[in-house]
Amino acid sequence: TFKDVPDLARLGFPIGEVGEDGSLIITKVEGSGGAVTAQTCKEQLLYEVHDPARYLQPDVTADFSQVTVEEIGLNRVRISGGRGRERPPTLKVSVGYVDSFIGEGQISYAGPGALARGRLALDIVRERLKLTGVAANEVRFDLIGVDSLHGAQVSARANEPYEVRVRVNGRTDNLREAVRIGNEVETLYTNGPAGGGGAFKSARDVVAVASVLLPRELATPQVQFVGGVER
């Protein structure tokens, strides 16, 4: 109801028709799903742009502040007014690193009293993590479909659901402690409220990404051709 987009199962990638004079028309393959409109183009143009007058790219410092967006036909939008200045002295580098480990466990409850049983299950796991001394830096106790997104204060005014999904996850410094979190949720099968089912647990490392600016002179591009085609 906010923005109905047709045929989302067959989305077409946007196409940029760039003229010799630098003009740009955004369109898509005829018959594909999605929508190329002034609204969608503006949303994409502003996506993650902190300063539209100084958007850093490898080859130019772009200025979007005077851009105009005009629909010229069905799924055809003309973009004009973009400008640029000299390229920045730095290059953006995305650095991946192991940030921590995440342990998670889930289990479902359904039928009369499902919400109360779900909350009891969370209380049991919360106490078990303390009793067994699981070393977690951060732990979340959620009921999916109840309070996992907006928290307990907002959900307190909602109607009671027929079914709930318990989820406990925590951040740890090593994989061994992460595994213990999911184990405690799994034991709710026999040591928790009645009627639990569909238990799931996992433990994994978290690869985070940090974006930094590197002086351009420190980056040396290299090209290597591998293989070839004989004629």
C-alpha atoms as a PDB file:
ATOM      1  CA  THR A   1       0.000   0.000   0.000  1.00  0.00           C
ATOM      2  CA  PHE A   2       2.970   2.334   0.405  1.00  0.00           C
ATOM      3  CA  LYS A   3       4.675   1.570  -2.913  1.00  0.00           C
ATOM      4  CA  ASP A   4       3.212  -1.246  -4.958  1.00  0.00           C
ATOM      5  CA  VAL A   5       5.798  -2.649  -7.375  1.00  0.00           C
ATOM      6  CA  PRO A   6       4.564  -5.040 -10.076  1.00  0.00           C
ATOM      7  CA  ASP A   7       5.949  -8.529 -10.753  1.00  0.00           C
ATOM      8  CA  LEU A   8       8.581  -8.639  -7.998  1.00  0.00           C
ATOM      9  CA  ALA A   9       9.388 -12.265  -8.839  1.00  0.00           C
ATOM     10  CA  ARG A  10      10.766 -11.198 -12.249  1.00  0.00           C
ATOM     11  CA  LEU A  11      12.710  -8.038 -11.453  1.00  0.00           C
ATOM     12  CA  GLY A  12      14.818  -6.611 -14.261  1.00  0.00           C
ATOM     13  CA  PHE A  13      18.166  -4.939 -13.677  1.00  0.00           C
ATOM     14  CA  PRO A  14      18.181  -1.209 -14.461  1.00  0.00           C
ATOM     15  CA  ILE A  15      19.901  -0.092 -17.661  1.00  0.00           C
ATOM     16  CA  GLY A  16      21.713   3.215 -18.087  1.00  0.00           C
ATOM     17  CA  GLU A  17      21.722   4.674 -21.599  1.00  0.00           C
ATOM     18  CA  VAL A  18      24.610   7.151 -21.557  1.00  0.00           C
ATOM     19  CA  GLY A  19      24.918   9.635 -24.407  1.00  0.00           C
ATOM     20  CA  GLU A  20      28.121  11.117 -25.818  1.00  0.00           C
ATOM     21  CA  ASP A  21      27.216  14.423 -24.165  1.00  0.00           C
ATOM     22  CA  GLY A  22      26.986  12.731 -20.764  1.00  0.00           C
ATOM     23  CA  SER A  23      23.192  12.551 -20.707  1.00  0.00           C
ATOM     24  CA  LEU A  24      21.642   9.584 -18.918  1.00  0.00           C
ATOM     25  CA  ILE A  25      18.374   7.696 -19.275  1.00  0.00           C
ATOM     26  CA  ILE A  26      17.533   4.925 -16.822  1.00  0.00           C
ATOM     27  CA  THR A  27      15.281   2.122 -18.096  1.00  0.00           C
ATOM     28  CA  LYS A  28      14.884  -1.654 -17.927  1.00  0.00           C
ATOM     29  CA  VAL A  29      14.250  -4.623 -20.198  1.00  0.00           C
ATOM     30  CA  GLU A  30      10.733  -4.596 -21.623  1.00  0.00           C
ATOM     31  CA  GLY A  31       8.496  -7.195 -19.985  1.00  0.00           C
ATOM     32  CA  SER A  32      10.558  -7.491 -16.817  1.00  0.00           C
ATOM     33  CA  GLY A  33       9.186  -6.740 -13.373  1.00  0.00           C
ATOM     34  CA  GLY A  34       9.911  -3.773 -11.171  1.00  0.00           C
ATOM     35  CA  ALA A  35       9.411  -0.063 -11.745  1.00  0.00           C
ATOM     36  CA  VAL A  36      11.679   2.649 -13.125  1.00  0.00           C
ATOM     37  CA  THR A  37      10.043   5.865 -11.966  1.00  0.00           C
ATOM     38  CA  ALA A  38      11.116   9.231 -10.636  1.00  0.00           C
ATOM     39  CA  GLN A  39      10.483   7.948  -7.125  1.00  0.00           C
ATOM     40  CA  THR A  40      12.575   4.784  -7.427  1.00  0.00           C
ATOM     41  CA  CYS A  41      15.421   6.657  -9.132  1.00  0.00           C
ATOM     42  CA  LYS A  42      15.493   9.311  -6.406  1.00  0.00           C
ATOM     43  CA  GLU A  43      15.503   6.638  -3.709  1.00  0.00           C
ATOM     44  CA  GLN A  44      18.453   4.888  -5.323  1.00  0.00           C
ATOM     45  CA  LEU A  45      20.318   8.146  -5.960  1.00  0.00           C
ATOM     46  CA  LEU A  46      20.122   9.092  -2.279  1.00  0.00           C
ATOM     47  CA  TYR A  47      20.853   5.616  -0.906  1.00  0.00           C
ATOM     48  CA  GLU A  48      23.692   5.829   1.640  1.00  0.00           C
ATOM     49  CA  VAL A  49      24.764   9.268   0.377  1.00  0.00           C
ATOM     50  CA  HIS A  50      25.870  11.364   3.347  1.00  0.00           C
ATOM     51  CA  ASP A  51      26.864  14.502   1.432  1.00  0.00           C
ATOM     52  CA  PRO A  52      25.202  14.793  -2.000  1.00  0.00           C
ATOM     53  CA  ALA A  53      27.496  17.688  -2.909  1.00  0.00           C
ATOM     54  CA  ARG A  54      30.652  15.708  -2.158  1.00  0.00           C
ATOM     55  CA  TYR A  55      30.209  12.005  -2.855  1.00  0.00           C
ATOM     56  CA  LEU A  56      33.653  10.398  -2.998  1.00  0.00           C
ATOM     57  CA  GLN A  57      34.329   7.936  -5.822  1.00  0.00           C
ATOM     58  CA  PRO A  58      37.634   6.548  -7.118  1.00  0.00           C
ATOM     59  CA  ASP A  59      37.709   8.756 -10.237  1.00  0.00           C
ATOM     60  CA  VAL A  60      35.686  11.819  -9.253  1.00  0.00           C
ATOM     61  CA  THR A  61      34.147  13.730  -6.370  1.00  0.00           C
ATOM     62  CA  ALA A  62      30.523  13.712  -7.480  1.00  0.00           C
ATOM     63  CA  ASP A  63      28.007  16.503  -6.849  1.00  0.00           C
ATOM     64  CA  PHE A  64      24.359  15.375  -6.900  1.00  0.00           C
ATOM     65  CA  SER A  65      22.961  18.562  -5.345  1.00  0.00           C
ATOM     66  CA  GLN A  66      21.673  19.984  -8.670  1.00  0.00           C
ATOM     67  CA  VAL A  67      20.444  16.742 -10.234  1.00  0.00           C
ATOM     68  CA  THR A  68      16.987  16.693 -11.806  1.00  0.00           C
ATOM     69  CA  VAL A  69      14.898  13.570 -12.362  1.00  0.00           C
ATOM     70  CA  GLU A  70      12.263  13.497 -15.115  1.00  0.00           C
ATOM     71  CA  GLU A  71       9.963  10.720 -16.284  1.00  0.00           C
ATOM     72  CA  ILE A  72       9.920  10.750 -20.099  1.00  0.00           C
ATOM     73  CA  GLY A  73       7.980   7.540 -20.687  1.00  0.00           C
ATOM     74  CA  LEU A  74       6.978   4.230 -19.204  1.00  0.00           C
ATOM     75  CA  ASN A  75       9.991   2.936 -17.239  1.00  0.00           C
ATOM     76  CA  ARG A  76      12.183   5.649 -18.771  1.00  0.00           C
ATOM     77  CA  VAL A  77      13.666   8.385 -16.566  1.00  0.00           C
ATOM     78  CA  ARG A  78      16.081  11.117 -17.630  1.00  0.00           C
ATOM     79  CA  ILE A  79      18.752  12.123 -15.089  1.00  0.00           C
ATOM     80  CA  SER A  80      20.598  15.410 -15.605  1.00  0.00           C
ATOM     81  CA  GLY A  81      22.493  18.090 -13.733  1.00  0.00           C
ATOM     82  CA  GLY A  82      25.187  15.920 -12.172  1.00  0.00           C
ATOM     83  CA  ARG A  83      28.572  17.541 -11.747  1.00  0.00           C
ATOM     84  CA  GLY A  84      32.012  16.524 -10.569  1.00  0.00           C
ATOM     85  CA  ARG A  85      35.295  17.849  -9.235  1.00  0.00           C
ATOM     86  CA  GLU A  86      38.791  16.421  -9.010  1.00  0.00           C
ATOM     87  CA  ARG A  87      39.125  12.901  -7.700  1.00  0.00           C
ATOM     88  CA  PRO A  88      39.749  12.540  -3.947  1.00  0.00           C
ATOM     89  CA  PRO A  89      43.289  11.868  -2.655  1.00  0.00           C
ATOM     90  CA  THR A  90      42.070   8.703  -0.933  1.00  0.00           C
ATOM     91  CA  LEU A  91      40.483   5.391  -1.911  1.00  0.00           C
ATOM     92  CA  LYS A  92      37.779   3.610   0.060  1.00  0.00           C
ATOM     93  CA  VAL A  93      38.833   0.200   1.329  1.00  0.00           C
ATOM     94  CA  SER A  94      36.466  -2.316   2.944  1.00  0.00           C
ATOM     95  CA  VAL A  95      38.427  -4.395   5.463  1.00  0.00           C
ATOM     96  CA  GLY A  96      36.961  -7.670   6.690  1.00  0.00           C
ATOM     97  CA  TYR A  97      37.862  -8.999  10.135  1.00  0.00           C
ATOM     98  CA  VAL A  98      36.593 -11.551  12.655  1.00  0.00           C
ATOM     99  CA  ASP A  99      34.627  -9.424  15.092  1.00  0.00           C
ATOM    100  CA  SER A 100      33.222 -12.073  17.453  1.00  0.00           C
ATOM    101  CA  PHE A 101      31.163 -15.265  17.549  1.00  0.00           C
ATOM    102  CA  ILE A 102      27.376 -15.641  17.690  1.00  0.00           C
ATOM    103  CA  GLY A 103      25.550 -18.496  19.390  1.00  0.00           C
ATOM    104  CA  GLU A 104      21.838 -18.893  18.794  1.00  0.00           C
ATOM    105  CA  GLY A 105      18.982 -21.178  19.767  1.00  0.00           C
ATOM    106  CA  GLN A 106      15.297 -21.211  18.847  1.00  0.00           C
ATOM    107  CA  ILE A 107      12.222 -23.243  19.807  1.00  0.00           C
ATOM    108  CA  SER A 108       8.477 -22.822  19.163  1.00  0.00           C
ATOM    109  CA  TYR A 109       5.366 -22.993  21.348  1.00  0.00           C
ATOM    110  CA  ALA A 110       1.781 -23.021  20.060  1.00  0.00           C
ATOM    111  CA  GLY A 111      -1.758 -23.279  21.367  1.00  0.00           C
ATOM    112  CA  PRO A 112      -3.358 -21.971  24.566  1.00  0.00           C
ATOM    113  CA  GLY A 113      -0.834 -20.277  26.841  1.00  0.00           C
ATOM    114  CA  ALA A 114       1.868 -20.199  24.156  1.00  0.00           C
ATOM    115  CA  LEU A 115       2.960 -16.687  25.104  1.00  0.00           C
ATOM    116  CA  ALA A 116       3.293 -17.541  28.790  1.00  0.00           C
ATOM    117  CA  ARG A 117       5.242 -20.702  27.993  1.00  0.00           C
ATOM    118  CA  GLY A 118       7.522 -18.764  25.684  1.00  0.00           C
ATOM    119  CA  ARG A 119       8.277 -16.212  28.376  1.00  0.00           C
ATOM    120  CA  LEU A 120       8.904 -18.975  30.890  1.00  0.00           C
ATOM    121  CA  ALA A 121      11.322 -20.600  28.449  1.00  0.00           C
ATOM    122  CA  LEU A 122      13.268 -17.355  28.147  1.00  0.00           C
ATOM    123  CA  ASP A 123      13.434 -17.026  31.937  1.00  0.00           C
ATOM    124  CA  ILE A 124      14.781 -20.576  32.213  1.00  0.00           C
ATOM    125  CA  VAL A 125      17.512 -20.008  29.612  1.00  0.00           C
ATOM    126  CA  ARG A 126      18.383 -16.644  31.140  1.00  0.00           C
ATOM    127  CA  GLU A 127      18.974 -18.288  34.517  1.00  0.00           C
ATOM    128  CA  ARG A 128      20.749 -21.297  33.002  1.00  0.00           C
ATOM    129  CA  LEU A 129      23.276 -19.069  31.235  1.00  0.00           C
ATOM    130  CA  LYS A 130      24.094 -17.480  34.592  1.00  0.00           C
ATOM    131  CA  LEU A 131      24.246 -20.779  36.490  1.00  0.00           C
ATOM    132  CA  THR A 132      26.564 -22.408  33.950  1.00  0.00           C
ATOM    133  CA  GLY A 133      28.727 -19.304  33.583  1.00  0.00           C
ATOM    134  CA  VAL A 134      28.445 -18.821  29.823  1.00  0.00           C
ATOM    135  CA  ALA A 135      30.813 -15.954  28.942  1.00  0.00           C
ATOM    136  CA  ALA A 136      28.748 -13.768  26.613  1.00  0.00           C
ATOM    137  CA  ASN A 137      29.379 -10.087  25.967  1.00  0.00           C
ATOM    138  CA  GLU A 138      25.837  -9.399  24.787  1.00  0.00           C
ATOM    139  CA  VAL A 139      22.700 -11.570  24.919  1.00  0.00           C
ATOM    140  CA  ARG A 140      19.211 -11.052  23.453  1.00  0.00           C
ATOM    141  CA  PHE A 141      16.070 -12.857  24.617  1.00  0.00           C
ATOM    142  CA  ASP A 142      13.287 -12.498  22.025  1.00  0.00           C
ATOM    143  CA  LEU A 143       9.878 -13.850  21.166  1.00  0.00           C
ATOM    144  CA  ILE A 144       9.700 -13.670  17.375  1.00  0.00           C
ATOM    145  CA  GLY A 145       6.354 -12.225  16.318  1.00  0.00           C
ATOM    146  CA  VAL A 146       5.887 -10.577  19.714  1.00  0.00           C
ATOM    147  CA  ASP A 147       8.757  -8.327  20.785  1.00  0.00           C
ATOM    148  CA  SER A 148      11.855  -9.182  18.717  1.00  0.00           C
ATOM    149  CA  LEU A 149      11.705  -5.998  16.601  1.00  0.00           C
ATOM    150  CA  HIS A 150      10.144  -3.171  18.617  1.00  0.00           C
ATOM    151  CA  GLY A 151      10.694  -4.399  22.168  1.00  0.00           C
ATOM    152  CA  ALA A 152       8.502  -5.290  25.103  1.00  0.00           C
ATOM    153  CA  GLN A 153       7.011  -1.815  25.708  1.00  0.00           C
ATOM    154  CA  VAL A 154       5.412  -1.546  22.262  1.00  0.00           C
ATOM    155  CA  SER A 155       4.314  -5.191  22.132  1.00  0.00           C
ATOM    156  CA  ALA A 156       2.628  -5.014  25.544  1.00  0.00           C
ATOM    157  CA  ARG A 157      -0.481  -3.489  23.917  1.00  0.00           C
ATOM    158  CA  ALA A 158      -0.790  -6.189  21.234  1.00  0.00           C
ATOM    159  CA  ASN A 159      -3.178  -9.149  21.273  1.00  0.00           C
ATOM    160  CA  GLU A 160      -1.857 -12.499  22.473  1.00  0.00           C
ATOM    161  CA  PRO A 161      -0.670 -14.666  19.575  1.00  0.00           C
ATOM    162  CA  TYR A 162      -1.566 -18.311  18.994  1.00  0.00           C
ATOM    163  CA  GLU A 163       2.077 -19.291  18.523  1.00  0.00           C
ATOM    164  CA  VAL A 164       5.481 -17.861  19.456  1.00  0.00           C
ATOM    165  CA  ARG A 165       9.065 -18.555  18.494  1.00  0.00           C
ATOM    166  CA  VAL A 166      11.642 -18.292  21.283  1.00  0.00           C
ATOM    167  CA  ARG A 167      15.040 -16.977  20.219  1.00  0.00           C
ATOM    168  CA  VAL A 168      18.134 -16.514  22.349  1.00  0.00           C
ATOM    169  CA  ASN A 169      21.382 -15.330  20.820  1.00  0.00           C
ATOM    170  CA  GLY A 170      24.578 -13.957  22.266  1.00  0.00           C
ATOM    171  CA  ARG A 171      27.927 -12.563  21.256  1.00  0.00           C
ATOM    172  CA  THR A 172      31.039 -14.302  22.590  1.00  0.00           C
ATOM    173  CA  ASP A 173      34.806 -14.184  22.191  1.00  0.00           C
ATOM    174  CA  ASN A 174      35.198 -17.800  21.084  1.00  0.00           C
ATOM    175  CA  LEU A 175      33.248 -20.554  19.357  1.00  0.00           C
ATOM    176  CA  ARG A 176      33.065 -22.833  22.417  1.00  0.00           C
ATOM    177  CA  GLU A 177      31.036 -20.322  24.432  1.00  0.00           C
ATOM    178  CA  ALA A 178      28.802 -19.596  21.440  1.00  0.00           C
ATOM    179  CA  VAL A 179      27.903 -23.294  21.149  1.00  0.00           C
ATOM    180  CA  ARG A 180      26.803 -23.371  24.798  1.00  0.00           C
ATOM    181  CA  ILE A 181      24.077 -20.772  24.174  1.00  0.00           C
ATOM    182  CA  GLY A 182      22.288 -22.902  21.587  1.00  0.00           C
ATOM    183  CA  ASN A 183      22.691 -25.990  23.773  1.00  0.00           C
ATOM    184  CA  GLU A 184      20.775 -24.373  26.626  1.00  0.00           C
ATOM    185  CA  VAL A 185      17.855 -23.563  24.326  1.00  0.00           C
ATOM    186  CA  GLU A 186      17.802 -27.113  22.949  1.00  0.00           C
ATOM    187  CA  THR A 187      17.499 -28.567  26.474  1.00  0.00           C
ATOM    188  CA  LEU A 188      14.095 -26.863  26.749  1.00  0.00           C
ATOM    189  CA  TYR A 189      12.763 -29.941  24.935  1.00  0.00           C
ATOM    190  CA  THR A 190      12.981 -31.893  28.200  1.00  0.00           C
ATOM    191  CA  ASN A 191      13.751 -29.258  30.846  1.00  0.00           C
ATOM    192  CA  GLY A 192      11.336 -26.518  29.834  1.00  0.00           C
ATOM    193  CA  PRO A 193       7.645 -25.728  29.285  1.00  0.00           C
ATOM    194  CA  ALA A 194       5.422 -28.352  27.694  1.00  0.00           C
ATOM    195  CA  GLY A 195       4.827 -28.533  23.976  1.00  0.00           C
ATOM    196  CA  GLY A 196       8.072 -27.075  22.657  1.00  0.00           C
ATOM    197  CA  GLY A 197       9.069 -28.076  19.143  1.00  0.00           C
ATOM    198  CA  GLY A 198      11.177 -27.222  16.115  1.00  0.00           C
ATOM    199  CA  ALA A 199      14.324 -26.477  18.102  1.00  0.00           C
ATOM    200  CA  PHE A 200      17.252 -25.055  16.178  1.00  0.00           C
ATOM    201  CA  LYS A 201      20.744 -24.034  17.235  1.00  0.00           C
ATOM    202  CA  SER A 202      23.820 -22.621  15.529  1.00  0.00           C
ATOM    203  CA  ALA A 203      27.209 -21.105  16.295  1.00  0.00           C
ATOM    204  CA  ARG A 204      29.249 -19.081  13.842  1.00  0.00           C
ATOM    205  CA  ASP A 205      31.926 -16.467  13.544  1.00  0.00           C
ATOM    206  CA  VAL A 206      30.990 -12.895  12.658  1.00  0.00           C
ATOM    207  CA  VAL A 207      32.989 -11.326   9.848  1.00  0.00           C
ATOM    208  CA  ALA A 208      32.537  -7.577  10.165  1.00  0.00           C
ATOM    209  CA  VAL A 209      33.476  -4.948   7.606  1.00  0.00           C
ATOM    210  CA  ALA A 210      35.137  -1.635   8.372  1.00  0.00           C
ATOM    211  CA  SER A 211      35.305   1.040   5.668  1.00  0.00           C
ATOM    212  CA  VAL A 212      38.438   3.182   5.780  1.00  0.00           C
ATOM    213  CA  LEU A 213      40.071   5.745   3.497  1.00  0.00           C
ATOM    214  CA  LEU A 214      43.524   4.801   2.222  1.00  0.00           C
ATOM    215  CA  PRO A 215      45.956   7.336   0.683  1.00  0.00           C
ATOM    216  CA  ARG A 216      45.879   6.754  -3.061  1.00  0.00           C
ATOM    217  CA  GLU A 217      49.643   6.432  -3.376  1.00  0.00           C
ATOM    218  CA  LEU A 218      49.612   3.338  -1.157  1.00  0.00           C
ATOM    219  CA  ALA A 219      47.418   1.403  -3.606  1.00  0.00           C
ATOM    220  CA  THR A 220      49.305  -0.167  -6.516  1.00  0.00           C
ATOM    221  CA  PRO A 221      47.013  -1.794  -9.091  1.00  0.00           C
ATOM    222  CA  GLN A 222      48.172  -5.063 -10.654  1.00  0.00           C
ATOM    223  CA  VAL A 223      46.685  -6.990 -13.580  1.00  0.00           C
ATOM    224  CA  GLN A 224      47.355 -10.673 -14.272  1.00  0.00           C
ATOM    225  CA  PHE A 225      45.962 -12.630 -17.221  1.00  0.00           C
ATOM    226  CA  VAL A 226      45.267 -16.287 -16.459  1.00  0.00           C
ATOM    227  CA  GLY A 227      44.799 -18.750 -19.312  1.00  0.00           C
ATOM    228  CA  GLY A 228      43.981 -17.848 -22.865  1.00  0.00           C
ATOM    229  CA  VAL A 229      42.270 -18.872 -26.049  1.00  0.00           C
ATOM    230  CA  GLU A 230      44.236 -20.369 -28.933  1.00  0.00           C
ATOM    231  CA  ARG A 231      43.164 -19.447 -32.446  1.00  0.00           C
END
